[in-house]
Amino acid sequence: MIILLLFWLVQWIYHYFNVCPDQDLNQQRTQMVQELQELQELQEVTHNTMELNVGSGGAVLSTALQQWLFCAVAGVLVLLLALCWRLKKRTCEVESSREPESEESEEESPAEMNMIWIFSRRFQLSVPKLASRRRVVQELVNELLQISHSLFSNSFFPVLEPVIGVGSAYEGWSPHKEEDVIYCVFVPLKPPHGHAFRLEPDTTGKMPRTSTRIRVEQVCTCTGEQPDQNKLCFLHHSEEELKRNQVNSLLYTLCTGPYLDGEKIALWFQTFVISAWSVMPQSHQYSMKVLPSCRSCKMKLMKSSGRSLFVEMVFSVQQGDSDIFLSSQPPEAQFPPGTAWLESCAVAEAKFFRQVAVQAPPRSCHLKCLRLCARLLEGSGISAYALKTTVMHLLTLIPLSEWQHKYLLMRVDDIMRYLRCCLEEKRLKHFFFGNEDMPEEISLPPDFHEAQPLNLFQHLAQDPAAQTKALKEFDELQNHLYFGF
């Protein structure tokens, strides 16, 4: 009997404090009262049974058992009283914590909240600890730039400006696992003393319209507000004087013909990183390996524990004062010559997400939506960039107040429906070209406002079979989303 009572007590504690943490408190109180009544009835039945089965010869044994049972039941009742007190205290805490959010709580559906919880567990939606690793990356690249400035300040290599974090890790939603996140930064280049950069659109027809070449020109340094008396002028001194008194012009080091070469810049910087690593403070904490890359500098940092950190430094040239840059790193599917630099909106995209983070309500779900949909679309023909473009469009179409966490399922549904329509129409507009809903904080070159929107699904318009396949795969993913649980 005592074993039964103890088993019932353990089962009751587990039920109330582990299995049903979110059960309605009123319902818990009612159930507790019912179970106390059942316990009382059980005690009476047990007492009657003992009176029937125990003879006069076992009176002493019966008395002892009754005393034992009385003590056990008394102990159980004391424990139950303690649990009731704890439950009452918990009720007050929960009710007081819900008072400021009473209106919001009424709108939340328990079924929807359970589904959000299932999604979070099933797709591991918690964003990796990006902020702390971004700080590590920032310290690393700042140290590298300081060393480069001290080494190349009197040379004619490009001037490396402070880096700008770009990509999903800096936007706050990386679709990858923490150990696979790549922390990408743009390294803006400025022309060295005696040089100027002039942007020339690619007219060869071999590259997309967004391809540009950067012509390097020598400029006069004899005159000006602060002429440098220690350096000769490339235009007004003889070639012999220049060779005898100073190093070669940028045109003879990192250019192919008159154009800046991204591949030569990457090789130059990779060599510098390898030679400079031994004097870096981070060399005491990490071992470093430069990974193969033709147009950027990719580094793998590894701690003694085995944890890795991936950093990619991409070289870029700013277009005027805008948020659009020319990038040395083309998309993976393209292999342009080293002198081709492609327009990149990565800086503008990172700036857009920073603005949304400032204006969005607390616990906004837009980053969790991105991460969930990215996990759903893994292995499909829809790129992460197409997904991000879709979310950016919706963030300007749907008020930010409607991106609260309780609307996560609705927003995910909006994203999937928007993508489905774009696949059917074979058209997904680029966010930064010809967009009338562009936030004022984003600075774009004038031709971006006047340009016809680029179609990110142009390949589907040109290949009906590819569109059919994409629609089939997408429908299968949607079925998995809505009926896979």
Protein backbone atom coordinates (compact mmCIF):
# COMPACT_ATOMS: atom_id res chain seq x y z
CA MET A 1 0.00 0.00 0.00
CA ILE A 2 2.80 2.40 0.97
CA ILE A 3 4.60 1.63 -2.31
CA LEU A 4 1.37 2.45 -4.17
CA LEU A 5 1.06 5.77 -2.34
CA LEU A 6 4.68 6.70 -3.02
CA PHE A 7 4.30 5.73 -6.66
CA TRP A 8 1.19 7.92 -6.89
CA LEU A 9 3.09 10.84 -5.27
CA VAL A 10 6.01 10.58 -7.70
CA GLN A 11 3.61 10.36 -10.62
CA TRP A 12 1.70 13.46 -9.38
CA ILE A 13 4.88 15.55 -8.97
CA TYR A 14 6.18 14.54 -12.41
CA HIS A 15 2.82 15.27 -14.01
CA TYR A 16 2.44 18.78 -12.60
CA PHE A 17 5.99 20.03 -12.88
CA ASN A 18 7.45 18.33 -15.95
CA VAL A 19 4.86 16.95 -18.33
CA CYS A 20 2.35 19.80 -18.25
CA PRO A 21 4.31 22.99 -17.50
CA ASP A 22 1.92 25.11 -19.52
CA GLN A 23 -1.36 23.55 -18.40
CA ASP A 24 -4.03 25.96 -17.23
CA LEU A 25 -3.60 26.62 -13.52
CA ASN A 26 -7.34 26.48 -12.74
CA GLN A 27 -7.49 23.07 -14.36
CA GLN A 28 -4.52 21.97 -12.22
CA ARG A 29 -6.29 23.09 -9.04
CA THR A 30 -9.48 21.16 -9.98
CA GLN A 31 -7.49 18.04 -10.81
CA MET A 32 -5.60 18.30 -7.52
CA VAL A 33 -8.86 18.42 -5.51
CA GLN A 34 -10.22 15.39 -7.38
CA GLU A 35 -7.05 13.40 -6.71
CA LEU A 36 -7.13 14.33 -3.00
CA GLN A 37 -10.72 12.99 -2.85
CA GLU A 38 -9.59 9.80 -4.59
CA LEU A 39 -6.80 9.45 -2.04
CA GLN A 40 -9.33 9.78 0.82
CA GLU A 41 -11.60 7.12 -0.74
CA LEU A 42 -8.56 4.88 -1.23
CA GLN A 43 -7.71 5.23 2.44
CA GLU A 44 -11.27 4.25 3.49
CA VAL A 45 -11.32 1.21 1.19
CA THR A 46 -7.95 0.08 2.50
CA HIS A 47 -9.09 0.44 6.09
CA ASN A 48 -12.27 -1.64 5.48
CA THR A 49 -10.30 -4.32 3.66
CA MET A 50 -7.85 -4.67 6.50
CA GLU A 51 -10.71 -5.04 9.03
CA LEU A 52 -12.24 -7.87 6.96
CA ASN A 53 -9.04 -9.80 6.32
CA VAL A 54 -7.28 -9.54 9.65
CA GLY A 55 -8.54 -11.91 12.36
CA SER A 56 -8.56 -11.54 16.12
CA GLY A 57 -5.18 -13.25 16.28
CA GLY A 58 -3.66 -10.47 14.16
CA ALA A 59 -5.02 -7.49 16.08
CA VAL A 60 -1.57 -6.30 17.08
CA LEU A 61 -0.35 -6.54 13.49
CA SER A 62 -3.45 -4.69 12.26
CA THR A 63 -2.87 -1.87 14.76
CA ALA A 64 0.76 -1.55 13.71
CA LEU A 65 -0.17 -1.47 10.03
CA GLN A 66 -2.81 1.18 10.68
CA GLN A 67 -0.31 3.33 12.54
CA TRP A 68 2.19 2.87 9.71
CA LEU A 69 -0.44 3.75 7.12
CA PHE A 70 -1.52 6.79 9.17
CA CYS A 71 2.06 8.10 9.27
CA ALA A 72 2.55 7.50 5.54
CA VAL A 73 -0.71 9.25 4.62
CA ALA A 74 0.13 12.13 6.97
CA GLY A 75 3.52 12.50 5.27
CA VAL A 76 1.88 12.49 1.84
CA LEU A 77 -0.62 15.13 2.95
CA VAL A 78 2.19 17.35 4.25
CA LEU A 79 3.96 17.05 0.89
CA LEU A 80 0.74 17.85 -0.93
CA LEU A 81 0.18 20.92 1.23
CA ALA A 82 3.71 22.09 0.36
CA LEU A 83 3.04 21.49 -3.32
CA CYS A 84 -0.25 23.42 -3.07
CA TRP A 85 1.60 26.36 -1.52
CA ARG A 86 4.16 26.25 -4.33
CA LEU A 87 1.40 26.06 -6.93
CA LYS A 88 -0.37 29.06 -5.38
CA LYS A 89 2.88 31.04 -5.40
CA ARG A 90 3.49 30.10 -9.03
CA THR A 91 -0.06 31.18 -9.91
CA CYS A 92 0.53 34.65 -8.44
CA GLU A 93 3.83 35.01 -10.27
CA VAL A 94 2.35 33.95 -13.60
CA GLU A 95 -0.69 36.18 -13.25
CA SER A 96 1.43 39.19 -12.27
CA SER A 97 3.79 38.59 -15.19
CA ARG A 98 0.88 38.37 -17.62
CA GLU A 99 -0.92 41.51 -16.52
CA PRO A 100 0.96 43.96 -18.84
CA GLU A 101 0.48 41.58 -21.76
CA SER A 102 -3.12 40.54 -21.12
CA GLU A 103 -4.39 41.86 -24.46
CA GLU A 104 -1.60 40.17 -26.40
CA SER A 105 -2.02 36.85 -24.59
CA GLU A 106 -5.70 36.70 -25.52
CA GLU A 107 -4.75 36.87 -29.20
CA GLU A 108 -2.23 34.02 -29.00
CA SER A 109 -3.58 30.63 -29.97
CA PRO A 110 -2.17 27.72 -27.91
CA ALA A 111 -2.14 25.58 -31.06
CA GLU A 112 -0.09 28.18 -32.92
CA MET A 113 2.31 28.59 -30.01
CA ASN A 114 2.79 24.82 -29.88
CA MET A 115 3.45 24.75 -33.60
CA ILE A 116 6.03 27.54 -33.26
CA TRP A 117 7.70 25.53 -30.52
CA ILE A 118 7.74 22.43 -32.74
CA PHE A 119 9.26 24.41 -35.61
CA SER A 120 11.90 25.86 -33.32
CA ARG A 121 12.92 22.41 -32.07
CA ARG A 122 12.61 20.65 -35.42
CA PHE A 123 14.59 23.19 -37.43
CA GLN A 124 16.86 24.52 -34.67
CA LEU A 125 15.77 28.11 -35.19
CA SER A 126 17.84 29.58 -32.38
CA VAL A 127 20.27 31.97 -34.05
CA PRO A 128 23.91 31.05 -33.42
CA LYS A 129 25.91 33.26 -31.08
CA LEU A 130 26.91 35.61 -33.86
CA ALA A 131 27.57 38.79 -31.88
CA SER A 132 30.48 37.47 -29.81
CA ARG A 133 32.19 35.95 -32.83
CA ARG A 134 31.66 39.12 -34.84
CA ARG A 135 33.61 40.97 -32.16
CA VAL A 136 36.46 38.46 -32.49
CA VAL A 137 36.47 38.94 -36.27
CA GLN A 138 36.40 42.74 -35.91
CA GLU A 139 39.41 42.72 -33.59
CA LEU A 140 41.26 40.38 -35.94
CA VAL A 141 40.77 42.41 -39.11
CA ASN A 142 41.46 45.70 -37.33
CA GLU A 143 44.79 44.31 -36.17
CA LEU A 144 45.61 43.14 -39.70
CA LEU A 145 44.79 46.57 -41.13
CA GLN A 146 46.97 48.34 -38.57
CA ILE A 147 49.93 46.14 -39.48
CA SER A 148 49.30 46.66 -43.20
CA HIS A 149 49.22 50.44 -42.76
CA SER A 150 52.57 50.39 -40.99
CA LEU A 151 54.12 48.19 -43.68
CA PHE A 152 52.67 49.80 -46.82
CA SER A 153 52.25 53.45 -45.81
CA ASN A 154 55.18 54.55 -47.99
CA SER A 155 54.35 52.25 -50.88
CA PHE A 156 51.93 52.50 -53.79
CA PHE A 157 49.72 49.59 -52.84
CA PRO A 158 45.99 50.31 -52.38
CA VAL A 159 44.98 51.94 -49.11
CA LEU A 160 42.86 49.56 -47.01
CA GLU A 161 39.89 51.31 -45.39
CA PRO A 162 37.98 50.11 -42.26
CA VAL A 163 36.06 46.93 -43.02
CA ILE A 164 32.28 46.60 -43.34
CA GLY A 165 30.51 43.45 -42.16
CA VAL A 166 28.21 41.91 -44.78
CA GLY A 167 26.27 38.71 -45.37
CA SER A 168 23.84 36.74 -43.24
CA ALA A 169 26.17 36.52 -40.21
CA TYR A 170 26.17 40.32 -39.96
CA GLU A 171 22.47 40.58 -40.82
CA GLY A 172 21.73 38.38 -37.82
CA TRP A 173 20.11 35.28 -39.34
CA SER A 174 22.75 32.88 -40.66
CA PRO A 175 21.13 29.78 -42.22
CA HIS A 176 24.13 27.64 -41.30
CA LYS A 177 25.10 25.84 -38.12
CA GLU A 178 27.35 27.80 -35.81
CA GLU A 179 30.49 25.89 -36.80
CA ASP A 180 29.82 26.52 -40.52
CA VAL A 181 29.09 30.26 -40.40
CA ILE A 182 31.36 32.40 -42.58
CA TYR A 183 32.00 35.92 -41.28
CA CYS A 184 32.42 38.02 -44.40
CA VAL A 185 33.73 41.60 -44.43
CA PHE A 186 34.26 44.04 -47.26
CA VAL A 187 37.65 45.76 -47.33
CA PRO A 188 37.17 49.06 -49.24
CA LEU A 189 40.16 50.09 -51.35
CA LYS A 190 41.26 53.67 -51.93
CA PRO A 191 43.88 54.70 -54.50
CA PRO A 192 47.38 55.33 -53.11
CA HIS A 193 49.22 58.65 -53.39
CA GLY A 194 49.67 59.73 -56.99
CA HIS A 195 46.88 57.48 -58.31
CA ALA A 196 43.17 57.68 -59.04
CA PHE A 197 40.45 55.11 -59.73
CA ARG A 198 38.07 55.61 -62.63
CA LEU A 199 35.14 53.23 -63.07
CA GLU A 200 34.44 51.96 -66.58
CA PRO A 201 31.34 49.83 -67.32
CA ASP A 202 32.27 46.61 -69.09
CA THR A 203 31.45 46.97 -72.78
CA THR A 204 32.87 43.66 -73.99
CA GLY A 205 29.50 41.93 -73.70
CA LYS A 206 31.14 38.94 -72.01
CA MET A 207 30.00 39.91 -68.52
CA PRO A 208 26.65 40.94 -66.97
CA ARG A 209 25.64 44.59 -67.12
CA THR A 210 26.68 44.90 -63.48
CA SER A 211 30.34 44.24 -64.37
CA THR A 212 32.76 47.16 -64.15
CA ARG A 213 36.48 47.64 -64.65
CA ILE A 214 38.55 49.94 -62.47
CA ARG A 215 41.07 51.94 -64.46
CA VAL A 216 44.09 53.07 -62.48
CA GLU A 217 45.43 56.46 -63.55
CA GLN A 218 48.49 58.39 -62.43
CA VAL A 219 47.86 61.93 -61.28
CA CYS A 220 50.12 64.94 -60.76
CA THR A 221 51.45 65.38 -57.22
CA CYS A 222 53.59 68.44 -57.89
CA THR A 223 50.82 70.85 -56.98
CA GLY A 224 48.01 70.82 -54.52
CA GLU A 225 47.19 71.95 -51.05
CA GLN A 226 49.85 69.74 -49.44
CA PRO A 227 52.38 68.58 -52.06
CA ASP A 228 54.63 65.77 -50.89
CA GLN A 229 58.22 66.89 -51.33
CA ASN A 230 59.63 63.44 -50.55
CA LYS A 231 57.88 61.66 -53.41
CA LEU A 232 58.39 62.21 -57.10
CA CYS A 233 55.56 62.91 -59.51
CA PHE A 234 54.76 60.08 -61.90
CA LEU A 235 53.83 62.58 -64.60
CA HIS A 236 56.64 65.13 -64.35
CA HIS A 237 59.77 63.15 -63.49
CA SER A 238 61.73 60.84 -65.73
CA GLU A 239 61.40 57.07 -65.53
CA GLU A 240 65.02 56.76 -64.41
CA GLU A 241 64.44 59.13 -61.49
CA LEU A 242 61.34 57.26 -60.45
CA LYS A 243 63.10 53.86 -60.50
CA ARG A 244 66.09 55.22 -58.60
CA ASN A 245 64.16 56.99 -55.86
CA GLN A 246 60.93 55.10 -55.20
CA VAL A 247 59.09 51.82 -55.67
CA ASN A 248 56.94 50.97 -58.66
CA SER A 249 53.57 52.52 -59.33
CA LEU A 250 50.41 50.53 -58.59
CA LEU A 251 50.12 50.04 -62.35
CA TYR A 252 53.17 47.73 -62.24
CA THR A 253 52.19 45.67 -59.22
CA LEU A 254 48.47 44.84 -58.87
CA CYS A 255 47.10 45.76 -62.30
CA THR A 256 46.65 43.95 -65.58
CA GLY A 257 47.20 46.61 -68.19
CA PRO A 258 45.62 49.79 -66.83
CA TYR A 259 42.97 47.93 -64.78
CA LEU A 260 42.99 46.87 -61.13
CA ASP A 261 43.19 43.07 -60.89
CA GLY A 262 41.24 41.41 -58.07
CA GLU A 263 43.19 38.15 -58.36
CA LYS A 264 46.56 39.90 -57.94
CA ILE A 265 45.22 41.87 -54.95
CA ALA A 266 44.00 38.63 -53.30
CA LEU A 267 47.38 36.94 -53.77
CA TRP A 268 49.21 40.01 -52.41
CA PHE A 269 47.02 40.18 -49.30
CA GLN A 270 47.12 36.42 -48.65
CA THR A 271 50.92 36.57 -48.69
CA PHE A 272 50.82 39.49 -46.27
CA VAL A 273 48.48 37.66 -43.85
CA ILE A 274 50.73 34.58 -43.75
CA SER A 275 53.82 36.67 -42.99
CA ALA A 276 52.06 38.93 -40.47
CA TRP A 277 50.29 36.22 -38.47
CA SER A 278 53.22 35.49 -36.16
CA VAL A 279 53.09 39.04 -34.72
CA MET A 280 49.31 39.05 -34.32
CA PRO A 281 47.96 38.83 -30.74
CA GLN A 282 45.39 36.28 -31.99
CA SER A 283 48.21 33.87 -32.93
CA HIS A 284 48.44 32.87 -29.24
CA GLN A 285 44.78 31.76 -29.22
CA TYR A 286 44.28 30.40 -32.73
CA SER A 287 46.16 28.50 -35.37
CA MET A 288 45.50 30.04 -38.79
CA LYS A 289 45.28 28.62 -42.29
CA VAL A 290 44.71 30.63 -45.48
CA LEU A 291 42.19 28.72 -47.59
CA PRO A 292 42.33 28.64 -51.40
CA SER A 293 40.57 31.61 -53.00
CA CYS A 294 41.29 33.45 -56.24
CA ARG A 295 39.48 36.70 -55.47
CA SER A 296 39.38 37.08 -51.66
CA CYS A 297 41.30 36.15 -48.53
CA LYS A 298 39.68 33.25 -46.68
CA MET A 299 41.02 32.25 -43.27
CA LYS A 300 40.28 29.32 -41.00
CA LEU A 301 41.06 29.99 -37.34
CA MET A 302 41.14 26.99 -35.02
CA LYS A 303 41.38 26.89 -31.23
CA SER A 304 43.12 24.12 -29.32
CA SER A 305 39.66 22.80 -28.41
CA GLY A 306 39.00 22.14 -32.10
CA ARG A 307 36.40 24.88 -32.60
CA SER A 308 36.81 26.72 -35.89
CA LEU A 309 36.08 30.24 -37.08
CA PHE A 310 35.88 31.12 -40.78
CA VAL A 311 36.62 34.65 -41.99
CA GLU A 312 36.48 35.97 -45.56
CA MET A 313 37.87 39.37 -46.53
CA VAL A 314 36.50 40.61 -49.86
CA PHE A 315 38.09 43.60 -51.59
CA SER A 316 35.77 46.32 -52.84
CA VAL A 317 35.61 49.83 -54.29
CA GLN A 318 32.77 52.18 -53.33
CA GLN A 319 30.64 53.76 -56.04
CA GLY A 320 30.72 57.45 -55.15
CA ASP A 321 29.12 58.04 -51.74
CA SER A 322 26.50 55.32 -52.15
CA ASP A 323 25.99 52.02 -50.34
CA ILE A 324 26.79 50.11 -53.54
CA PHE A 325 30.29 48.67 -53.95
CA LEU A 326 32.23 46.90 -56.66
CA SER A 327 33.27 43.52 -55.29
CA SER A 328 36.29 41.41 -56.17
CA GLN A 329 34.33 38.25 -55.34
CA PRO A 330 31.81 37.28 -58.06
CA PRO A 331 28.93 34.82 -57.54
CA GLU A 332 29.99 31.18 -57.39
CA ALA A 333 28.51 30.38 -60.79
CA GLN A 334 30.56 33.08 -62.55
CA PHE A 335 34.26 33.07 -63.39
CA PRO A 336 35.09 36.52 -64.73
CA PRO A 337 38.61 37.73 -65.49
CA GLY A 338 40.55 39.34 -62.66
CA THR A 339 39.88 42.85 -64.00
CA ALA A 340 36.09 42.43 -63.80
CA TRP A 341 34.50 43.82 -60.63
CA LEU A 342 30.79 43.16 -60.05
CA GLU A 343 28.28 45.49 -58.46
CA SER A 344 27.35 44.28 -55.00
CA CYS A 345 24.46 45.37 -52.79
CA ALA A 346 25.81 43.49 -49.76
CA VAL A 347 26.58 46.68 -47.81
CA ALA A 348 23.14 48.13 -48.59
CA GLU A 349 21.50 44.85 -47.52
CA ALA A 350 23.33 44.81 -44.18
CA LYS A 351 22.34 48.45 -43.65
CA PHE A 352 18.70 47.61 -44.45
CA PHE A 353 18.59 44.88 -41.80
CA ARG A 354 20.19 47.19 -39.24
CA GLN A 355 17.44 49.75 -39.90
CA VAL A 356 14.74 47.07 -39.55
CA ALA A 357 16.26 45.93 -36.25
CA VAL A 358 16.01 49.50 -34.91
CA GLN A 359 12.41 50.05 -36.04
CA ALA A 360 10.92 46.58 -35.49
CA PRO A 361 9.05 45.66 -32.27
CA PRO A 362 10.84 43.66 -29.55
CA ARG A 363 11.17 39.95 -30.37
CA SER A 364 10.49 40.57 -34.04
CA CYS A 365 10.27 37.28 -35.94
CA HIS A 366 11.69 38.38 -39.31
CA LEU A 367 15.12 36.81 -38.68
CA LYS A 368 13.57 33.60 -37.36
CA CYS A 369 11.37 33.48 -40.48
CA LEU A 370 14.48 33.78 -42.64
CA ARG A 371 16.22 30.99 -40.77
CA LEU A 372 13.20 28.69 -40.83
CA CYS A 373 12.55 29.16 -44.55
CA ALA A 374 16.26 28.77 -45.33
CA ARG A 375 16.25 25.41 -43.56
CA LEU A 376 13.08 24.38 -45.42
CA LEU A 377 14.52 25.34 -48.80
CA GLU A 378 17.82 23.50 -48.33
CA GLY A 379 18.51 21.38 -51.38
CA SER A 380 15.88 23.11 -53.51
CA GLY A 381 16.56 25.27 -56.55
CA ILE A 382 15.71 28.46 -54.63
CA SER A 383 18.81 30.30 -53.48
CA ALA A 384 19.27 31.92 -50.10
CA TYR A 385 19.57 35.26 -51.91
CA ALA A 386 16.15 34.81 -53.54
CA LEU A 387 14.70 34.03 -50.11
CA LYS A 388 16.35 37.09 -48.56
CA THR A 389 15.08 39.28 -51.40
CA THR A 390 11.55 37.98 -50.78
CA VAL A 391 11.73 38.81 -47.07
CA MET A 392 13.11 42.30 -47.78
CA HIS A 393 10.16 42.98 -50.11
CA LEU A 394 7.69 41.79 -47.47
CA LEU A 395 9.36 43.86 -44.75
CA THR A 396 8.50 46.97 -46.79
CA LEU A 397 4.99 45.76 -47.68
CA ILE A 398 3.83 44.47 -44.28
CA PRO A 399 3.98 46.92 -41.34
CA LEU A 400 6.78 46.08 -38.92
CA SER A 401 4.23 45.91 -36.10
CA GLU A 402 2.88 42.77 -37.81
CA TRP A 403 6.24 40.99 -37.43
CA GLN A 404 5.85 40.29 -33.72
CA HIS A 405 6.81 36.80 -32.62
CA LYS A 406 3.19 35.68 -32.26
CA TYR A 407 2.71 36.22 -36.01
CA LEU A 408 5.62 33.95 -37.01
CA LEU A 409 3.46 31.30 -38.68
CA MET A 410 1.50 33.93 -40.61
CA ARG A 411 4.68 35.57 -41.86
CA VAL A 412 6.20 32.22 -42.86
CA ASP A 413 3.02 31.52 -44.81
CA ASP A 414 3.31 34.94 -46.49
CA ILE A 415 6.90 34.23 -47.49
CA MET A 416 6.07 30.83 -48.97
CA ARG A 417 3.05 32.18 -50.84
CA TYR A 418 5.07 35.11 -52.21
CA LEU A 419 7.78 32.74 -53.45
CA ARG A 420 5.15 30.43 -54.99
CA CYS A 421 3.65 33.34 -56.95
CA CYS A 422 7.09 34.42 -58.13
CA LEU A 423 7.82 30.89 -59.36
CA GLU A 424 4.51 30.79 -61.23
CA GLU A 425 5.17 34.18 -62.82
CA LYS A 426 8.87 33.35 -63.37
CA ARG A 427 9.74 36.75 -61.94
CA LEU A 428 11.33 37.94 -58.68
CA LYS A 429 12.33 41.60 -58.71
CA HIS A 430 15.72 42.60 -57.38
CA PHE A 431 15.19 44.67 -54.25
CA PHE A 432 17.50 47.59 -55.09
CA PHE A 433 16.78 48.24 -58.76
CA GLY A 434 13.75 50.39 -59.60
CA ASN A 435 12.16 49.86 -56.18
CA GLU A 436 9.77 52.67 -55.29
CA ASP A 437 9.48 51.40 -51.69
CA MET A 438 13.20 51.78 -50.99
CA PRO A 439 13.88 53.09 -47.44
CA GLU A 440 15.31 56.61 -47.41
CA GLU A 441 18.29 55.52 -45.31
CA ILE A 442 19.70 53.47 -48.20
CA SER A 443 21.90 55.53 -50.53
CA LEU A 444 21.88 54.30 -54.13
CA PRO A 445 23.49 55.60 -57.34
CA PRO A 446 21.04 57.60 -59.50
CA ASP A 447 20.86 54.93 -62.20
CA PHE A 448 19.49 52.41 -59.69
CA HIS A 449 16.29 54.43 -59.27
CA GLU A 450 15.76 54.71 -63.03
CA ALA A 451 16.77 51.17 -63.97
CA GLN A 452 14.32 48.43 -64.83
CA PRO A 453 14.15 45.88 -61.99
CA LEU A 454 16.42 42.90 -62.53
CA ASN A 455 14.63 39.54 -62.57
CA LEU A 456 16.28 37.02 -60.24
CA PHE A 457 14.16 34.26 -61.83
CA GLN A 458 15.18 35.10 -65.40
CA HIS A 459 16.63 31.61 -65.78
CA LEU A 460 13.15 30.13 -65.18
CA ALA A 461 11.64 32.39 -67.85
CA GLN A 462 14.20 31.05 -70.32
CA ASP A 463 13.81 27.40 -69.35
CA PRO A 464 10.21 26.09 -68.89
CA ALA A 465 11.49 22.70 -67.75
CA ALA A 466 13.45 24.34 -64.95
CA GLN A 467 10.33 26.21 -63.86
CA THR A 468 8.25 23.01 -63.79
CA LYS A 469 10.90 21.28 -61.69
CA ALA A 470 11.18 24.25 -59.32
CA LEU A 471 7.40 24.34 -58.78
CA LYS A 472 7.25 20.60 -58.09
CA GLU A 473 10.08 20.78 -55.56
CA PHE A 474 8.54 23.81 -53.90
CA ASP A 475 5.13 22.13 -53.53
CA GLU A 476 6.80 19.12 -51.93
CA LEU A 477 8.55 21.43 -49.47
CA GLN A 478 5.28 23.17 -48.64
CA ASN A 479 3.57 19.84 -48.00
CA HIS A 480 6.40 18.93 -45.68
CA LEU A 481 5.99 22.24 -43.88
CA TYR A 482 2.25 22.00 -43.29
CA PHE A 483 1.70 18.25 -43.01
CA GLY A 484 5.08 16.88 -41.92
CA PHE A 485 4.38 17.04 -38.19
